[in-house]
Amino acid sequence: MPLYEYKCPECDVRFERLQPMTDGRQADCPDCETEAPRVLSLFATFSRSADGQVAAMGGGCACAAGGACACASGF
């Protein structure tokens, strides 16, 4: 079951839900119970170089890396 991220339009709370792909693109806000739309989740990976420096290795839209994402599909 995928993990989706939502943002409440009423109280601006961001929250996540494990939901079947067949469920709608809305979920009730855990704080105010307003119906919140699903938003695009972004993630980044990090690694440590030989000298100990931490560097971001990715993140943002997969389209920028030649992949497919919600930006290209009209999500």
PDB file of N, CA and C in Angstrom:
ATOM      1  N   MET A   1       0.849  -1.163   0.000  1.00  0.00           N
ATOM      2  CA  MET A   1       0.000   0.000   0.000  1.00  0.00           C
ATOM      3  C   MET A   1       0.908   1.243   0.000  1.00  0.00           C
ATOM      4  N   PRO A   2       0.688   2.185  -0.911  1.00  0.00           N
ATOM      5  CA  PRO A   2       1.547   3.370  -0.991  1.00  0.00           C
ATOM      6  C   PRO A   2       1.273   4.389   0.113  1.00  0.00           C
ATOM      7  N   LEU A   3       2.288   5.162   0.403  1.00  0.00           N
ATOM      8  CA  LEU A   3       2.202   6.253   1.370  1.00  0.00           C
ATOM      9  C   LEU A   3       1.988   7.547   0.600  1.00  0.00           C
ATOM     10  N   TYR A   4       0.900   8.244   0.880  1.00  0.00           N
ATOM     11  CA  TYR A   4       0.579   9.501   0.201  1.00  0.00           C
ATOM     12  C   TYR A   4       0.685  10.660   1.179  1.00  0.00           C
ATOM     13  N   GLU A   5       1.021  11.838   0.658  1.00  0.00           N
ATOM     14  CA  GLU A   5       1.122  13.049   1.464  1.00  0.00           C
ATOM     15  C   GLU A   5      -0.025  13.978   1.098  1.00  0.00           C
ATOM     16  N   TYR A   6      -0.571  14.645   2.106  1.00  0.00           N
ATOM     17  CA  TYR A   6      -1.704  15.551   1.932  1.00  0.00           C
ATOM     18  C   TYR A   6      -1.404  16.878   2.621  1.00  0.00           C
ATOM     19  N   LYS A   7      -2.069  17.947   2.171  1.00  0.00           N
ATOM     20  CA  LYS A   7      -1.955  19.249   2.824  1.00  0.00           C
ATOM     21  C   LYS A   7      -3.360  19.816   2.991  1.00  0.00           C
ATOM     22  N   CYS A   8      -3.692  20.134   4.228  1.00  0.00           N
ATOM     23  CA  CYS A   8      -5.020  20.647   4.537  1.00  0.00           C
ATOM     24  C   CYS A   8      -5.157  22.095   4.069  1.00  0.00           C
ATOM     25  N   PRO A   9      -6.199  22.415   3.296  1.00  0.00           N
ATOM     26  CA  PRO A   9      -6.397  23.789   2.837  1.00  0.00           C
ATOM     27  C   PRO A   9      -6.903  24.717   3.946  1.00  0.00           C
ATOM     28  N   GLU A  10      -7.431  24.128   5.007  1.00  0.00           N
ATOM     29  CA  GLU A  10      -7.996  24.927   6.099  1.00  0.00           C
ATOM     30  C   GLU A  10      -6.939  25.334   7.128  1.00  0.00           C
ATOM     31  N   CYS A  11      -6.142  24.359   7.598  1.00  0.00           N
ATOM     32  CA  CYS A  11      -5.184  24.654   8.681  1.00  0.00           C
ATOM     33  C   CYS A  11      -3.719  24.473   8.270  1.00  0.00           C
ATOM     34  N   ASP A  12      -3.456  24.178   6.999  1.00  0.00           N
ATOM     35  CA  ASP A  12      -2.099  24.029   6.433  1.00  0.00           C
ATOM     36  C   ASP A  12      -1.278  22.890   7.031  1.00  0.00           C
ATOM     37  N   VAL A  13      -1.901  21.946   7.706  1.00  0.00           N
ATOM     38  CA  VAL A  13      -1.192  20.784   8.237  1.00  0.00           C
ATOM     39  C   VAL A  13      -0.842  19.847   7.096  1.00  0.00           C
ATOM     40  N   ARG A  14       0.386  19.354   7.089  1.00  0.00           N
ATOM     41  CA  ARG A  14       0.803  18.328   6.131  1.00  0.00           C
ATOM     42  C   ARG A  14       0.800  16.996   6.882  1.00  0.00           C
ATOM     43  N   PHE A  15       0.251  15.954   6.246  1.00  0.00           N
ATOM     44  CA  PHE A  15       0.195  14.651   6.888  1.00  0.00           C
ATOM     45  C   PHE A  15       0.296  13.565   5.836  1.00  0.00           C
ATOM     46  N   GLU A  16       0.593  12.356   6.298  1.00  0.00           N
ATOM     47  CA  GLU A  16       0.751  11.211   5.407  1.00  0.00           C
ATOM     48  C   GLU A  16      -0.265  10.137   5.774  1.00  0.00           C
ATOM     49  N   ARG A  17      -0.636   9.352   4.766  1.00  0.00           N
ATOM     50  CA  ARG A  17      -1.560   8.228   4.971  1.00  0.00           C
ATOM     51  C   ARG A  17      -1.149   7.063   4.083  1.00  0.00           C
ATOM     52  N   LEU A  18      -1.207   5.876   4.647  1.00  0.00           N
ATOM     53  CA  LEU A  18      -1.080   4.655   3.847  1.00  0.00           C
ATOM     54  C   LEU A  18      -2.464   4.356   3.325  1.00  0.00           C
ATOM     55  N   GLN A  19      -2.629   4.396   2.013  1.00  0.00           N
ATOM     56  CA  GLN A  19      -3.943   4.171   1.421  1.00  0.00           C
ATOM     57  C   GLN A  19      -3.816   3.345   0.154  1.00  0.00           C
ATOM     58  N   PRO A  20      -4.817   2.539  -0.151  1.00  0.00           N
ATOM     59  CA  PRO A  20      -4.815   1.800  -1.412  1.00  0.00           C
ATOM     60  C   PRO A  20      -4.804   2.774  -2.596  1.00  0.00           C
ATOM     61  N   MET A  21      -4.227   2.356  -3.693  1.00  0.00           N
ATOM     62  CA  MET A  21      -4.168   3.202  -4.887  1.00  0.00           C
ATOM     63  C   MET A  21      -5.563   3.506  -5.426  1.00  0.00           C
ATOM     64  N   THR A  22      -6.524   2.677  -5.097  1.00  0.00           N
ATOM     65  CA  THR A  22      -7.885   2.867  -5.598  1.00  0.00           C
ATOM     66  C   THR A  22      -8.661   3.925  -4.827  1.00  0.00           C
ATOM     67  N   ASP A  23      -8.135   4.337  -3.655  1.00  0.00           N
ATOM     68  CA  ASP A  23      -8.813   5.385  -2.895  1.00  0.00           C
ATOM     69  C   ASP A  23      -8.658   6.723  -3.608  1.00  0.00           C
ATOM     70  N   GLY A  24      -9.519   7.655  -3.280  1.00  0.00           N
ATOM     71  CA  GLY A  24      -9.509   8.963  -3.922  1.00  0.00           C
ATOM     72  C   GLY A  24      -8.271   9.778  -3.612  1.00  0.00           C
ATOM     73  N   ARG A  25      -8.230  10.958  -4.168  1.00  0.00           N
ATOM     74  CA  ARG A  25      -7.096  11.851  -3.969  1.00  0.00           C
ATOM     75  C   ARG A  25      -7.320  12.794  -2.804  1.00  0.00           C
ATOM     76  N   GLN A  26      -8.224  12.456  -1.909  1.00  0.00           N
ATOM     77  CA  GLN A  26      -8.548  13.276  -0.748  1.00  0.00           C
ATOM     78  C   GLN A  26      -8.430  12.427   0.514  1.00  0.00           C
ATOM     79  N   ALA A  27      -8.132  13.088   1.637  1.00  0.00           N
ATOM     80  CA  ALA A  27      -8.126  12.435   2.941  1.00  0.00           C
ATOM     81  C   ALA A  27      -8.521  13.475   3.984  1.00  0.00           C
ATOM     82  N   ASP A  28      -9.139  13.038   5.046  1.00  0.00           N
ATOM     83  CA  ASP A  28      -9.543  13.961   6.110  1.00  0.00           C
ATOM     84  C   ASP A  28      -8.343  14.364   6.950  1.00  0.00           C
ATOM     85  N   CYS A  29      -8.208  15.661   7.201  1.00  0.00           N
ATOM     86  CA  CYS A  29      -7.140  16.207   8.033  1.00  0.00           C
ATOM     87  C   CYS A  29      -7.272  15.660   9.452  1.00  0.00           C
ATOM     88  N   PRO A  30      -6.166  15.199  10.047  1.00  0.00           N
ATOM     89  CA  PRO A  30      -6.246  14.673  11.406  1.00  0.00           C
ATOM     90  C   PRO A  30      -6.495  15.753  12.458  1.00  0.00           C
ATOM     91  N   ASP A  31      -6.235  17.022  12.122  1.00  0.00           N
ATOM     92  CA  ASP A  31      -6.434  18.104  13.094  1.00  0.00           C
ATOM     93  C   ASP A  31      -7.834  18.702  13.037  1.00  0.00           C
ATOM     94  N   CYS A  32      -8.292  19.046  11.825  1.00  0.00           N
ATOM     95  CA  CYS A  32      -9.591  19.748  11.732  1.00  0.00           C
ATOM     96  C   CYS A  32     -10.647  18.970  10.950  1.00  0.00           C
ATOM     97  N   GLU A  33     -10.282  17.809  10.412  1.00  0.00           N
ATOM     98  CA  GLU A  33     -11.185  16.919   9.677  1.00  0.00           C
ATOM     99  C   GLU A  33     -11.684  17.483   8.346  1.00  0.00           C
ATOM    100  N   THR A  34     -11.043  18.563   7.850  1.00  0.00           N
ATOM    101  CA  THR A  34     -11.361  19.094   6.523  1.00  0.00           C
ATOM    102  C   THR A  34     -10.799  18.149   5.473  1.00  0.00           C
ATOM    103  N   GLU A  35     -11.495  17.994   4.361  1.00  0.00           N
ATOM    104  CA  GLU A  35     -11.009  17.153   3.276  1.00  0.00           C
ATOM    105  C   GLU A  35      -9.792  17.817   2.638  1.00  0.00           C
ATOM    106  N   ALA A  36      -8.677  17.113   2.623  1.00  0.00           N
ATOM    107  CA  ALA A  36      -7.413  17.660   2.122  1.00  0.00           C
ATOM    108  C   ALA A  36      -6.988  16.953   0.841  1.00  0.00           C
ATOM    109  N   PRO A  37      -6.483  17.701  -0.152  1.00  0.00           N
ATOM    110  CA  PRO A  37      -6.019  17.083  -1.389  1.00  0.00           C
ATOM    111  C   PRO A  37      -4.633  16.464  -1.226  1.00  0.00           C
ATOM    112  N   ARG A  38      -4.378  15.447  -2.026  1.00  0.00           N
ATOM    113  CA  ARG A  38      -3.064  14.820  -2.056  1.00  0.00           C
ATOM    114  C   ARG A  38      -2.095  15.773  -2.738  1.00  0.00           C
ATOM    115  N   VAL A  39      -0.861  15.840  -2.249  1.00  0.00           N
ATOM    116  CA  VAL A  39       0.163  16.691  -2.842  1.00  0.00           C
ATOM    117  C   VAL A  39       1.344  15.841  -3.286  1.00  0.00           C
ATOM    118  N   LEU A  40       2.160  16.391  -4.142  1.00  0.00           N
ATOM    119  CA  LEU A  40       3.344  15.702  -4.631  1.00  0.00           C
ATOM    120  C   LEU A  40       4.382  15.628  -3.526  1.00  0.00           C
ATOM    121  N   SER A  41       4.828  14.431  -3.183  1.00  0.00           N
ATOM    122  CA  SER A  41       5.861  14.243  -2.171  1.00  0.00           C
ATOM    123  C   SER A  41       7.224  14.284  -2.832  1.00  0.00           C
ATOM    124  N   LEU A  42       8.130  15.024  -2.245  1.00  0.00           N
ATOM    125  CA  LEU A  42       9.496  15.112  -2.749  1.00  0.00           C
ATOM    126  C   LEU A  42      10.431  14.477  -1.740  1.00  0.00           C
ATOM    127  N   PHE A  43      11.478  13.870  -2.223  1.00  0.00           N
ATOM    128  CA  PHE A  43      12.444  13.268  -1.317  1.00  0.00           C
ATOM    129  C   PHE A  43      13.840  13.492  -1.862  1.00  0.00           C
ATOM    130  N   ALA A  44      14.805  13.361  -1.006  1.00  0.00           N
ATOM    131  CA  ALA A  44      16.202  13.503  -1.397  1.00  0.00           C
ATOM    132  C   ALA A  44      17.002  12.413  -0.700  1.00  0.00           C
ATOM    133  N   THR A  45      18.086  12.011  -1.307  1.00  0.00           N
ATOM    134  CA  THR A  45      18.996  11.063  -0.678  1.00  0.00           C
ATOM    135  C   THR A  45      20.287  11.801  -0.352  1.00  0.00           C
ATOM    136  N   PHE A  46      20.967  11.326   0.654  1.00  0.00           N
ATOM    137  CA  PHE A  46      22.200  11.965   1.090  1.00  0.00           C
ATOM    138  C   PHE A  46      23.295  10.928   1.180  1.00  0.00           C
ATOM    139  N   SER A  47      24.526  11.360   0.966  1.00  0.00           N
ATOM    140  CA  SER A  47      25.660  10.466   1.151  1.00  0.00           C
ATOM    141  C   SER A  47      26.794  11.252   1.796  1.00  0.00           C
ATOM    142  N   ARG A  48      27.748  10.522   2.337  1.00  0.00           N
ATOM    143  CA  ARG A  48      28.896  11.147   2.980  1.00  0.00           C
ATOM    144  C   ARG A  48      30.134  10.850   2.126  1.00  0.00           C
ATOM    145  N   SER A  49      30.878  11.890   1.807  1.00  0.00           N
ATOM    146  CA  SER A  49      32.089  11.730   0.998  1.00  0.00           C
ATOM    147  C   SER A  49      33.221  11.200   1.883  1.00  0.00           C
ATOM    148  N   ALA A  50      34.357  10.898   1.263  1.00  0.00           N
ATOM    149  CA  ALA A  50      35.505  10.373   1.995  1.00  0.00           C
ATOM    150  C   ALA A  50      35.988  11.330   3.077  1.00  0.00           C
ATOM    151  N   ASP A  51      35.824  12.636   2.857  1.00  0.00           N
ATOM    152  CA  ASP A  51      36.269  13.618   3.859  1.00  0.00           C
ATOM    153  C   ASP A  51      35.191  13.920   4.905  1.00  0.00           C
ATOM    154  N   GLY A  52      34.062  13.214   4.856  1.00  0.00           N
ATOM    155  CA  GLY A  52      33.020  13.371   5.863  1.00  0.00           C
ATOM    156  C   GLY A  52      31.952  14.381   5.542  1.00  0.00           C
ATOM    157  N   GLN A  53      32.046  15.060   4.409  1.00  0.00           N
ATOM    158  CA  GLN A  53      31.048  16.042   4.019  1.00  0.00           C
ATOM    159  C   GLN A  53      29.761  15.337   3.586  1.00  0.00           C
ATOM    160  N   VAL A  54      28.631  15.877   3.998  1.00  0.00           N
ATOM    161  CA  VAL A  54      27.331  15.331   3.606  1.00  0.00           C
ATOM    162  C   VAL A  54      26.840  16.116   2.392  1.00  0.00           C
ATOM    163  N   ALA A  55      26.382  15.389   1.365  1.00  0.00           N
ATOM    164  CA  ALA A  55      25.906  16.037   0.144  1.00  0.00           C
ATOM    165  C   ALA A  55      24.564  15.463  -0.259  1.00  0.00           C
ATOM    166  N   ALA A  56      23.671  16.337  -0.705  1.00  0.00           N
ATOM    167  CA  ALA A  56      22.380  15.893  -1.236  1.00  0.00           C
ATOM    168  C   ALA A  56      22.621  15.278  -2.600  1.00  0.00           C
ATOM    169  N   MET A  57      22.018  14.124  -2.839  1.00  0.00           N
ATOM    170  CA  MET A  57      22.233  13.410  -4.095  1.00  0.00           C
ATOM    171  C   MET A  57      21.038  13.484  -5.033  1.00  0.00           C
ATOM    172  N   GLY A  58      19.944  13.998  -4.592  1.00  0.00           N
ATOM    173  CA  GLY A  58      18.781  14.030  -5.456  1.00  0.00           C
ATOM    174  C   GLY A  58      17.642  14.743  -4.769  1.00  0.00           C
ATOM    175  N   GLY A  59      16.480  14.606  -5.353  1.00  0.00           N
ATOM    176  CA  GLY A  59      15.313  15.253  -4.791  1.00  0.00           C
ATOM    177  C   GLY A  59      14.606  16.029  -5.869  1.00  0.00           C
ATOM    178  N   GLY A  60      13.440  16.456  -5.575  1.00  0.00           N
ATOM    179  CA  GLY A  60      12.680  17.203  -6.548  1.00  0.00           C
ATOM    180  C   GLY A  60      11.998  16.296  -7.548  1.00  0.00           C
ATOM    181  N   CYS A  61      11.622  16.850  -8.633  1.00  0.00           N
ATOM    182  CA  CYS A  61      10.825  16.167  -9.636  1.00  0.00           C
ATOM    183  C   CYS A  61      11.640  15.158 -10.444  1.00  0.00           C
ATOM    184  N   ALA A  62      11.089  13.982 -10.644  1.00  0.00           N
ATOM    185  CA  ALA A  62      11.758  12.954 -11.436  1.00  0.00           C
ATOM    186  C   ALA A  62      11.877  13.356 -12.901  1.00  0.00           C
ATOM    187  N   CYS A  63      11.040  14.278 -13.357  1.00  0.00           N
ATOM    188  CA  CYS A  63      11.115  14.727 -14.750  1.00  0.00           C
ATOM    189  C   CYS A  63      12.480  15.332 -15.064  1.00  0.00           C
ATOM    190  N   ALA A  64      13.064  15.999 -14.081  1.00  0.00           N
ATOM    191  CA  ALA A  64      14.355  16.643 -14.284  1.00  0.00           C
ATOM    192  C   ALA A  64      15.451  15.621 -14.543  1.00  0.00           C
ATOM    193  N   ALA A  65      15.255  14.401 -14.083  1.00  0.00           N
ATOM    194  CA  ALA A  65      16.237  13.345 -14.290  1.00  0.00           C
ATOM    195  C   ALA A  65      15.863  12.436 -15.451  1.00  0.00           C
ATOM    196  N   GLY A  66      14.899  12.845 -16.250  1.00  0.00           N
ATOM    197  CA  GLY A  66      14.501  12.049 -17.401  1.00  0.00           C
ATOM    198  C   GLY A  66      13.437  11.013 -17.097  1.00  0.00           C
ATOM    199  N   GLY A  67      12.930  10.996 -15.869  1.00  0.00           N
ATOM    200  CA  GLY A  67      11.894  10.033 -15.501  1.00  0.00           C
ATOM    201  C   GLY A  67      10.512  10.600 -15.719  1.00  0.00           C
ATOM    202  N   ALA A  68       9.547   9.904 -15.221  1.00  0.00           N
ATOM    203  CA  ALA A  68       8.161  10.367 -15.333  1.00  0.00           C
ATOM    204  C   ALA A  68       7.657  10.683 -13.937  1.00  0.00           C
ATOM    205  N   CYS A  69       6.864  11.709 -13.834  1.00  0.00           N
ATOM    206  CA  CYS A  69       6.292  12.060 -12.538  1.00  0.00           C
ATOM    207  C   CYS A  69       4.935  12.702 -12.737  1.00  0.00           C
ATOM    208  N   ALA A  70       4.361  13.133 -11.647  1.00  0.00           N
ATOM    209  CA  ALA A  70       3.044  13.737 -11.701  1.00  0.00           C
ATOM    210  C   ALA A  70       3.039  15.055 -12.478  1.00  0.00           C
ATOM    211  N   CYS A  71       4.176  15.751 -12.518  1.00  0.00           N
ATOM    212  CA  CYS A  71       4.250  17.020 -13.259  1.00  0.00           C
ATOM    213  C   CYS A  71       3.911  16.790 -14.735  1.00  0.00           C
ATOM    214  N   ALA A  72       4.451  15.719 -15.289  1.00  0.00           N
ATOM    215  CA  ALA A  72       4.252  15.425 -16.705  1.00  0.00           C
ATOM    216  C   ALA A  72       2.900  14.789 -16.988  1.00  0.00           C
ATOM    217  N   SER A  73       2.317  14.149 -15.970  1.00  0.00           N
ATOM    218  CA  SER A  73       1.065  13.434 -16.197  1.00  0.00           C
ATOM    219  C   SER A  73      -0.167  14.252 -15.836  1.00  0.00           C
ATOM    220  N   GLY A  74       0.016  15.501 -15.426  1.00  0.00           N
ATOM    221  CA  GLY A  74      -1.126  16.352 -15.116  1.00  0.00           C
ATOM    222  C   GLY A  74      -1.764  16.048 -13.781  1.00  0.00           C
ATOM    223  N   PHE A  75      -1.009  15.539 -12.837  1.00  0.00           N
ATOM    224  CA  PHE A  75      -1.505  15.178 -11.506  1.00  0.00           C
ATOM    225  C   PHE A  75      -2.117  16.310 -10.807  1.00  0.00           C
TER     226      PHE A  75
END
